[in-house]
Amino acid sequence: MTIHKKGQAHWEGDIKRGKGTVSTESGVLNQQPYGFNTRFEGEKGTNPEELIGAAHAACFSMALSLMLGEAGFTPTSIDTTILGRRCLAG
């Protein structure tokens, strides 16, 4: 079985003053804004790193639920936190 899902990003301008949006095919994210300030300066908003982290956490949680189910266990809940680290060259 092949499943196709689509996400997209749109960017305008240079890296520091530019701005962008991210959207998902499902519409859960619909032109959600992001930019240099939300990625590197702590301003409220999303960034690529947290979106990747959330995707990995969701995938891991579902995979763990599957494995537990195959082993005869039914999880009450699974909470997964992904901690990403951004290393900036000094």
PDB file of N, CA and C in Angstrom:
ATOM      1  N   MET A   1       0.846  -1.173   0.000  1.00  0.00           N
ATOM      2  CA  MET A   1       0.000   0.000   0.000  1.00  0.00           C
ATOM      3  C   MET A   1       0.894   1.240   0.000  1.00  0.00           C
ATOM      4  N   THR A   2       0.569   2.164  -0.855  1.00  0.00           N
ATOM      5  CA  THR A   2       1.296   3.424  -0.922  1.00  0.00           C
ATOM      6  C   THR A   2       0.379   4.542  -0.459  1.00  0.00           C
ATOM      7  N   ILE A   3       0.866   5.343   0.461  1.00  0.00           N
ATOM      8  CA  ILE A   3       0.117   6.494   0.959  1.00  0.00           C
ATOM      9  C   ILE A   3       0.887   7.750   0.588  1.00  0.00           C
ATOM     10  N   HIS A   4       0.216   8.679  -0.022  1.00  0.00           N
ATOM     11  CA  HIS A   4       0.843   9.941  -0.409  1.00  0.00           C
ATOM     12  C   HIS A   4       0.242  11.068   0.425  1.00  0.00           C
ATOM     13  N   LYS A   5       1.074  11.819   1.089  1.00  0.00           N
ATOM     14  CA  LYS A   5       0.661  13.006   1.852  1.00  0.00           C
ATOM     15  C   LYS A   5       1.521  14.164   1.398  1.00  0.00           C
ATOM     16  N   LYS A   6       0.963  15.360   1.455  1.00  0.00           N
ATOM     17  CA  LYS A   6       1.687  16.505   0.918  1.00  0.00           C
ATOM     18  C   LYS A   6       1.733  17.648   1.925  1.00  0.00           C
ATOM     19  N   GLY A   7       2.881  18.234   2.053  1.00  0.00           N
ATOM     20  CA  GLY A   7       3.063  19.469   2.809  1.00  0.00           C
ATOM     21  C   GLY A   7       3.782  20.451   1.901  1.00  0.00           C
ATOM     22  N   GLN A   8       3.589  21.714   2.149  1.00  0.00           N
ATOM     23  CA  GLN A   8       4.271  22.686   1.300  1.00  0.00           C
ATOM     24  C   GLN A   8       4.665  23.918   2.096  1.00  0.00           C
ATOM     25  N   ALA A   9       5.662  24.601   1.587  1.00  0.00           N
ATOM     26  CA  ALA A   9       6.145  25.841   2.189  1.00  0.00           C
ATOM     27  C   ALA A   9       6.264  26.893   1.097  1.00  0.00           C
ATOM     28  N   HIS A  10       6.022  28.122   1.485  1.00  0.00           N
ATOM     29  CA  HIS A  10       6.156  29.265   0.588  1.00  0.00           C
ATOM     30  C   HIS A  10       7.025  30.292   1.310  1.00  0.00           C
ATOM     31  N   TRP A  11       7.991  30.856   0.619  1.00  0.00           N
ATOM     32  CA  TRP A  11       8.901  31.836   1.219  1.00  0.00           C
ATOM     33  C   TRP A  11       9.021  33.045   0.303  1.00  0.00           C
ATOM     34  N   GLU A  12       9.071  34.235   0.907  1.00  0.00           N
ATOM     35  CA  GLU A  12       9.282  35.472   0.162  1.00  0.00           C
ATOM     36  C   GLU A  12      10.343  36.305   0.864  1.00  0.00           C
ATOM     37  N   GLY A  13      11.304  36.810   0.107  1.00  0.00           N
ATOM     38  CA  GLY A  13      12.284  37.736   0.651  1.00  0.00           C
ATOM     39  C   GLY A  13      13.575  37.083   1.097  1.00  0.00           C
ATOM     40  N   ASP A  14      14.424  37.908   1.712  1.00  0.00           N
ATOM     41  CA  ASP A  14      15.715  37.417   2.177  1.00  0.00           C
ATOM     42  C   ASP A  14      15.548  36.682   3.510  1.00  0.00           C
ATOM     43  N   ILE A  15      16.626  36.108   3.995  1.00  0.00           N
ATOM     44  CA  ILE A  15      16.553  35.237   5.174  1.00  0.00           C
ATOM     45  C   ILE A  15      16.125  35.975   6.430  1.00  0.00           C
ATOM     46  N   LYS A  16      16.609  37.174   6.672  1.00  0.00           N
ATOM     47  CA  LYS A  16      16.301  37.867   7.930  1.00  0.00           C
ATOM     48  C   LYS A  16      14.989  38.634   7.903  1.00  0.00           C
ATOM     49  N   ARG A  17      14.657  39.254   6.788  1.00  0.00           N
ATOM     50  CA  ARG A  17      13.431  40.063   6.735  1.00  0.00           C
ATOM     51  C   ARG A  17      12.292  39.369   6.001  1.00  0.00           C
ATOM     52  N   GLY A  18      12.591  38.230   5.404  1.00  0.00           N
ATOM     53  CA  GLY A  18      11.580  37.512   4.653  1.00  0.00           C
ATOM     54  C   GLY A  18      10.557  36.846   5.555  1.00  0.00           C
ATOM     55  N   LYS A  19       9.581  36.237   4.924  1.00  0.00           N
ATOM     56  CA  LYS A  19       8.558  35.529   5.678  1.00  0.00           C
ATOM     57  C   LYS A  19       8.053  34.381   4.825  1.00  0.00           C
ATOM     58  N   GLY A  20       7.494  33.407   5.519  1.00  0.00           N
ATOM     59  CA  GLY A  20       6.993  32.244   4.809  1.00  0.00           C
ATOM     60  C   GLY A  20       5.763  31.674   5.473  1.00  0.00           C
ATOM     61  N   THR A  21       5.173  30.704   4.794  1.00  0.00           N
ATOM     62  CA  THR A  21       4.039  29.966   5.348  1.00  0.00           C
ATOM     63  C   THR A  21       4.235  28.482   5.072  1.00  0.00           C
ATOM     64  N   VAL A  22       3.682  27.654   5.950  1.00  0.00           N
ATOM     65  CA  VAL A  22       3.655  26.211   5.741  1.00  0.00           C
ATOM     66  C   VAL A  22       2.201  25.757   5.767  1.00  0.00           C
ATOM     67  N   SER A  23       1.907  24.778   4.921  1.00  0.00           N
ATOM     68  CA  SER A  23       0.552  24.248   4.822  1.00  0.00           C
ATOM     69  C   SER A  23       0.613  22.739   4.646  1.00  0.00           C
ATOM     70  N   THR A  24      -0.464  22.070   5.055  1.00  0.00           N
ATOM     71  CA  THR A  24      -0.581  20.627   4.853  1.00  0.00           C
ATOM     72  C   THR A  24      -1.809  20.341   4.001  1.00  0.00           C
ATOM     73  N   GLU A  25      -1.739  19.235   3.312  1.00  0.00           N
ATOM     74  CA  GLU A  25      -2.836  18.824   2.452  1.00  0.00           C
ATOM     75  C   GLU A  25      -4.145  18.678   3.232  1.00  0.00           C
ATOM     76  N   SER A  26      -4.053  18.221   4.478  1.00  0.00           N
ATOM     77  CA  SER A  26      -5.248  18.026   5.298  1.00  0.00           C
ATOM     78  C   SER A  26      -5.900  19.343   5.708  1.00  0.00           C
ATOM     79  N   GLY A  27      -5.121  20.430   5.644  1.00  0.00           N
ATOM     80  CA  GLY A  27      -5.631  21.730   6.053  1.00  0.00           C
ATOM     81  C   GLY A  27      -5.406  22.040   7.518  1.00  0.00           C
ATOM     82  N   VAL A  28      -4.836  21.103   8.272  1.00  0.00           N
ATOM     83  CA  VAL A  28      -4.551  21.351   9.686  1.00  0.00           C
ATOM     84  C   VAL A  28      -3.605  22.537   9.825  1.00  0.00           C
ATOM     85  N   LEU A  29      -2.596  22.591   8.982  1.00  0.00           N
ATOM     86  CA  LEU A  29      -1.761  23.787   8.865  1.00  0.00           C
ATOM     87  C   LEU A  29      -2.162  24.461   7.563  1.00  0.00           C
ATOM     88  N   ASN A  30      -2.647  25.674   7.660  1.00  0.00           N
ATOM     89  CA  ASN A  30      -3.101  26.393   6.479  1.00  0.00           C
ATOM     90  C   ASN A  30      -2.442  27.763   6.457  1.00  0.00           C
ATOM     91  N   GLN A  31      -1.370  27.849   5.706  1.00  0.00           N
ATOM     92  CA  GLN A  31      -0.589  29.076   5.605  1.00  0.00           C
ATOM     93  C   GLN A  31      -0.147  29.588   6.973  1.00  0.00           C
ATOM     94  N   GLN A  32       0.364  28.661   7.788  1.00  0.00           N
ATOM     95  CA  GLN A  32       0.900  29.004   9.103  1.00  0.00           C
ATOM     96  C   GLN A  32       2.191  29.781   8.910  1.00  0.00           C
ATOM     97  N   PRO A  33       2.299  31.006   9.442  1.00  0.00           N
ATOM     98  CA  PRO A  33       3.485  31.819   9.193  1.00  0.00           C
ATOM     99  C   PRO A  33       4.718  31.330   9.959  1.00  0.00           C
ATOM    100  N   TYR A  34       5.866  31.553   9.354  1.00  0.00           N
ATOM    101  CA  TYR A  34       7.154  31.302  10.010  1.00  0.00           C
ATOM    102  C   TYR A  34       8.175  32.249   9.399  1.00  0.00           C
ATOM    103  N   GLY A  35       9.286  32.409  10.097  1.00  0.00           N
ATOM    104  CA  GLY A  35      10.331  33.278   9.584  1.00  0.00           C
ATOM    105  C   GLY A  35      11.586  33.155  10.421  1.00  0.00           C
ATOM    106  N   PHE A  36      12.555  33.989  10.130  1.00  0.00           N
ATOM    107  CA  PHE A  36      13.822  33.987  10.848  1.00  0.00           C
ATOM    108  C   PHE A  36      13.590  34.164  12.345  1.00  0.00           C
ATOM    109  N   ASN A  37      12.683  35.079  12.685  1.00  0.00           N
ATOM    110  CA  ASN A  37      12.436  35.382  14.093  1.00  0.00           C
ATOM    111  C   ASN A  37      11.808  34.213  14.848  1.00  0.00           C
ATOM    112  N   THR A  38      10.945  33.420  14.210  1.00  0.00           N
ATOM    113  CA  THR A  38      10.353  32.270  14.901  1.00  0.00           C
ATOM    114  C   THR A  38      11.306  31.081  14.916  1.00  0.00           C
ATOM    115  N   ARG A  39      12.249  31.080  14.013  1.00  0.00           N
ATOM    116  CA  ARG A  39      13.196  29.964  13.955  1.00  0.00           C
ATOM    117  C   ARG A  39      14.433  30.193  14.814  1.00  0.00           C
ATOM    118  N   PHE A  40      14.950  31.417  14.812  1.00  0.00           N
ATOM    119  CA  PHE A  40      16.230  31.669  15.469  1.00  0.00           C
ATOM    120  C   PHE A  40      16.173  32.633  16.644  1.00  0.00           C
ATOM    121  N   GLU A  41      15.105  33.391  16.779  1.00  0.00           N
ATOM    122  CA  GLU A  41      15.074  34.424  17.817  1.00  0.00           C
ATOM    123  C   GLU A  41      14.006  34.202  18.881  1.00  0.00           C
ATOM    124  N   GLY A  42      13.371  33.048  18.885  1.00  0.00           N
ATOM    125  CA  GLY A  42      12.439  32.706  19.947  1.00  0.00           C
ATOM    126  C   GLY A  42      11.076  33.369  19.883  1.00  0.00           C
ATOM    127  N   GLU A  43      10.772  34.057  18.799  1.00  0.00           N
ATOM    128  CA  GLU A  43       9.451  34.665  18.674  1.00  0.00           C
ATOM    129  C   GLU A  43       8.389  33.570  18.535  1.00  0.00           C
ATOM    130  N   LYS A  44       7.205  33.826  19.060  1.00  0.00           N
ATOM    131  CA  LYS A  44       6.133  32.842  19.017  1.00  0.00           C
ATOM    132  C   LYS A  44       5.776  32.519  17.574  1.00  0.00           C
ATOM    133  N   GLY A  45       5.665  31.267  17.296  1.00  0.00           N
ATOM    134  CA  GLY A  45       5.336  30.793  15.957  1.00  0.00           C
ATOM    135  C   GLY A  45       6.059  29.487  15.696  1.00  0.00           C
ATOM    136  N   THR A  46       5.787  28.895  14.572  1.00  0.00           N
ATOM    137  CA  THR A  46       6.386  27.601  14.282  1.00  0.00           C
ATOM    138  C   THR A  46       7.721  27.744  13.567  1.00  0.00           C
ATOM    139  N   ASN A  47       8.404  26.619  13.414  1.00  0.00           N
ATOM    140  CA  ASN A  47       9.666  26.575  12.686  1.00  0.00           C
ATOM    141  C   ASN A  47       9.863  25.157  12.174  1.00  0.00           C
ATOM    142  N   PRO A  48      10.713  24.965  11.187  1.00  0.00           N
ATOM    143  CA  PRO A  48      10.897  23.637  10.621  1.00  0.00           C
ATOM    144  C   PRO A  48      11.331  22.583  11.642  1.00  0.00           C
ATOM    145  N   GLU A  49      12.176  22.967  12.586  1.00  0.00           N
ATOM    146  CA  GLU A  49      12.675  21.990  13.556  1.00  0.00           C
ATOM    147  C   GLU A  49      11.571  21.423  14.432  1.00  0.00           C
ATOM    148  N   GLU A  50      10.659  22.275  14.918  1.00  0.00           N
ATOM    149  CA  GLU A  50       9.600  21.749  15.772  1.00  0.00           C
ATOM    150  C   GLU A  50       8.588  20.941  14.968  1.00  0.00           C
ATOM    151  N   LEU A  51       8.390  21.276  13.707  1.00  0.00           N
ATOM    152  CA  LEU A  51       7.488  20.484  12.877  1.00  0.00           C
ATOM    153  C   LEU A  51       8.066  19.095  12.626  1.00  0.00           C
ATOM    154  N   ILE A  52       9.365  19.026  12.358  1.00  0.00           N
ATOM    155  CA  ILE A  52      10.021  17.729  12.176  1.00  0.00           C
ATOM    156  C   ILE A  52       9.964  16.932  13.481  1.00  0.00           C
ATOM    157  N   GLY A  53      10.223  17.591  14.607  1.00  0.00           N
ATOM    158  CA  GLY A  53      10.158  16.915  15.904  1.00  0.00           C
ATOM    159  C   GLY A  53       8.768  16.369  16.189  1.00  0.00           C
ATOM    160  N   ALA A  54       7.740  17.146  15.921  1.00  0.00           N
ATOM    161  CA  ALA A  54       6.366  16.687  16.155  1.00  0.00           C
ATOM    162  C   ALA A  54       6.028  15.502  15.254  1.00  0.00           C
ATOM    163  N   ALA A  55       6.490  15.540  14.009  1.00  0.00           N
ATOM    164  CA  ALA A  55       6.237  14.430  13.091  1.00  0.00           C
ATOM    165  C   ALA A  55       6.918  13.154  13.575  1.00  0.00           C
ATOM    166  N   HIS A  56       8.161  13.265  14.028  1.00  0.00           N
ATOM    167  CA  HIS A  56       8.872  12.097  14.546  1.00  0.00           C
ATOM    168  C   HIS A  56       8.195  11.552  15.808  1.00  0.00           C
ATOM    169  N   ALA A  57       7.758  12.440  16.695  1.00  0.00           N
ATOM    170  CA  ALA A  57       7.080  12.006  17.920  1.00  0.00           C
ATOM    171  C   ALA A  57       5.781  11.270  17.597  1.00  0.00           C
ATOM    172  N   ALA A  58       5.018  11.796  16.667  1.00  0.00           N
ATOM    173  CA  ALA A  58       3.758  11.152  16.287  1.00  0.00           C
ATOM    174  C   ALA A  58       4.009   9.778  15.672  1.00  0.00           C
ATOM    175  N   CYS A  59       4.986   9.693  14.783  1.00  0.00           N
ATOM    176  CA  CYS A  59       5.314   8.424  14.136  1.00  0.00           C
ATOM    177  C   CYS A  59       5.786   7.390  15.164  1.00  0.00           C
ATOM    178  N   PHE A  60       6.671   7.812  16.069  1.00  0.00           N
ATOM    179  CA  PHE A  60       7.172   6.909  17.100  1.00  0.00           C
ATOM    180  C   PHE A  60       6.038   6.403  17.978  1.00  0.00           C
ATOM    181  N   SER A  61       5.143   7.302  18.405  1.00  0.00           N
ATOM    182  CA  SER A  61       4.037   6.913  19.282  1.00  0.00           C
ATOM    183  C   SER A  61       3.147   5.868  18.620  1.00  0.00           C
ATOM    184  N   MET A  62       2.849   6.074  17.346  1.00  0.00           N
ATOM    185  CA  MET A  62       2.015   5.106  16.630  1.00  0.00           C
ATOM    186  C   MET A  62       2.732   3.770  16.457  1.00  0.00           C
ATOM    187  N   ALA A  63       4.026   3.803  16.149  1.00  0.00           N
ATOM    188  CA  ALA A  63       4.799   2.566  15.984  1.00  0.00           C
ATOM    189  C   ALA A  63       4.882   1.799  17.297  1.00  0.00           C
ATOM    190  N   LEU A  64       5.097   2.518  18.398  1.00  0.00           N
ATOM    191  CA  LEU A  64       5.154   1.859  19.705  1.00  0.00           C
ATOM    192  C   LEU A  64       3.810   1.239  20.050  1.00  0.00           C
ATOM    193  N   SER A  65       2.716   1.934  19.757  1.00  0.00           N
ATOM    194  CA  SER A  65       1.382   1.385  19.996  1.00  0.00           C
ATOM    195  C   SER A  65       1.165   0.098  19.206  1.00  0.00           C
ATOM    196  N   LEU A  66       1.617   0.093  17.955  1.00  0.00           N
ATOM    197  CA  LEU A  66       1.511  -1.104  17.126  1.00  0.00           C
ATOM    198  C   LEU A  66       2.287  -2.262  17.737  1.00  0.00           C
ATOM    199  N   MET A  67       3.541  -2.001  18.114  1.00  0.00           N
ATOM    200  CA  MET A  67       4.374  -3.066  18.680  1.00  0.00           C
ATOM    201  C   MET A  67       3.805  -3.595  19.991  1.00  0.00           C
ATOM    202  N   LEU A  68       3.317  -2.700  20.841  1.00  0.00           N
ATOM    203  CA  LEU A  68       2.705  -3.143  22.092  1.00  0.00           C
ATOM    204  C   LEU A  68       1.469  -3.986  21.821  1.00  0.00           C
ATOM    205  N   GLY A  69       0.657  -3.559  20.856  1.00  0.00           N
ATOM    206  CA  GLY A  69      -0.540  -4.321  20.496  1.00  0.00           C
ATOM    207  C   GLY A  69      -0.193  -5.704  19.977  1.00  0.00           C
ATOM    208  N   GLU A  70       0.838  -5.787  19.140  1.00  0.00           N
ATOM    209  CA  GLU A  70       1.266  -7.086  18.615  1.00  0.00           C
ATOM    210  C   GLU A  70       1.802  -7.999  19.713  1.00  0.00           C
ATOM    211  N   ALA A  71       2.296  -7.413  20.802  1.00  0.00           N
ATOM    212  CA  ALA A  71       2.799  -8.189  21.934  1.00  0.00           C
ATOM    213  C   ALA A  71       1.687  -8.496  22.943  1.00  0.00           C
ATOM    214  N   GLY A  72       0.461  -8.072  22.649  1.00  0.00           N
ATOM    215  CA  GLY A  72      -0.668  -8.381  23.523  1.00  0.00           C
ATOM    216  C   GLY A  72      -0.980  -7.324  24.563  1.00  0.00           C
ATOM    217  N   PHE A  73      -0.392  -6.167  24.438  1.00  0.00           N
ATOM    218  CA  PHE A  73      -0.643  -5.084  25.389  1.00  0.00           C
ATOM    219  C   PHE A  73      -1.451  -3.971  24.713  1.00  0.00           C
ATOM    220  N   THR A  74      -2.319  -3.357  25.495  1.00  0.00           N
ATOM    221  CA  THR A  74      -3.080  -2.206  24.996  1.00  0.00           C
ATOM    222  C   THR A  74      -2.666  -0.987  25.808  1.00  0.00           C
ATOM    223  N   PRO A  75      -1.948  -0.061  25.204  1.00  0.00           N
ATOM    224  CA  PRO A  75      -1.513   1.109  25.971  1.00  0.00           C
ATOM    225  C   PRO A  75      -2.694   2.013  26.331  1.00  0.00           C
ATOM    226  N   THR A  76      -2.656   2.543  27.543  1.00  0.00           N
ATOM    227  CA  THR A  76      -3.656   3.524  27.952  1.00  0.00           C
ATOM    228  C   THR A  76      -3.378   4.842  27.254  1.00  0.00           C
ATOM    229  N   SER A  77      -2.124   5.240  27.250  1.00  0.00           N
ATOM    230  CA  SER A  77      -1.711   6.444  26.534  1.00  0.00           C
ATOM    231  C   SER A  77      -0.207   6.389  26.306  1.00  0.00           C
ATOM    232  N   ILE A  78       0.222   7.110  25.322  1.00  0.00           N
ATOM    233  CA  ILE A  78       1.650   7.228  25.007  1.00  0.00           C
ATOM    234  C   ILE A  78       1.933   8.701  24.783  1.00  0.00           C
ATOM    235  N   ASP A  79       2.866   9.229  25.531  1.00  0.00           N
ATOM    236  CA  ASP A  79       3.294  10.617  25.360  1.00  0.00           C
ATOM    237  C   ASP A  79       4.756  10.609  24.950  1.00  0.00           C
ATOM    238  N   THR A  80       5.044  11.205  23.837  1.00  0.00           N
ATOM    239  CA  THR A  80       6.408  11.225  23.305  1.00  0.00           C
ATOM    240  C   THR A  80       6.857  12.664  23.123  1.00  0.00           C
ATOM    241  N   THR A  81       8.022  12.973  23.654  1.00  0.00           N
ATOM    242  CA  THR A  81       8.612  14.301  23.494  1.00  0.00           C
ATOM    243  C   THR A  81       9.916  14.165  22.734  1.00  0.00           C
ATOM    244  N   ILE A  82      10.073  14.972  21.736  1.00  0.00           N
ATOM    245  CA  ILE A  82      11.315  15.006  20.967  1.00  0.00           C
ATOM    246  C   ILE A  82      12.037  16.302  21.326  1.00  0.00           C
ATOM    247  N   LEU A  83      13.282  16.175  21.716  1.00  0.00           N
ATOM    248  CA  LEU A  83      14.089  17.349  22.030  1.00  0.00           C
ATOM    249  C   LEU A  83      15.124  17.515  20.929  1.00  0.00           C
ATOM    250  N   GLY A  84      15.004  18.597  20.197  1.00  0.00           N
ATOM    251  CA  GLY A  84      15.963  18.882  19.142  1.00  0.00           C
ATOM    252  C   GLY A  84      16.987  19.885  19.641  1.00  0.00           C
ATOM    253  N   ARG A  85      18.166  19.775  19.139  1.00  0.00           N
ATOM    254  CA  ARG A  85      19.225  20.702  19.525  1.00  0.00           C
ATOM    255  C   ARG A  85      19.757  21.371  18.271  1.00  0.00           C
ATOM    256  N   ARG A  86      19.798  22.675  18.317  1.00  0.00           N
ATOM    257  CA  ARG A  86      20.338  23.439  17.185  1.00  0.00           C
ATOM    258  C   ARG A  86      21.708  23.949  17.602  1.00  0.00           C
ATOM    259  N   CYS A  87      22.710  23.573  16.854  1.00  0.00           N
ATOM    260  CA  CYS A  87      24.076  24.005  17.143  1.00  0.00           C
ATOM    261  C   CYS A  87      24.476  25.066  16.122  1.00  0.00           C
ATOM    262  N   LEU A  88      24.772  26.236  16.621  1.00  0.00           N
ATOM    263  CA  LEU A  88      25.175  27.331  15.746  1.00  0.00           C
ATOM    264  C   LEU A  88      26.680  27.514  15.826  1.00  0.00           C
ATOM    265  N   ALA A  89      27.300  27.582  14.685  1.00  0.00           N
ATOM    266  CA  ALA A  89      28.747  27.792  14.654  1.00  0.00           C
ATOM    267  C   ALA A  89      29.051  29.190  15.179  1.00  0.00           C
ATOM    268  N   GLY A  90      30.062  29.289  16.037  1.00  0.00           N
ATOM    269  CA  GLY A  90      30.370  30.542  16.694  1.00  0.00           C
ATOM    270  C   GLY A  90      31.325  31.364  15.952  1.00  0.00           C
TER     271      GLY A  90
END
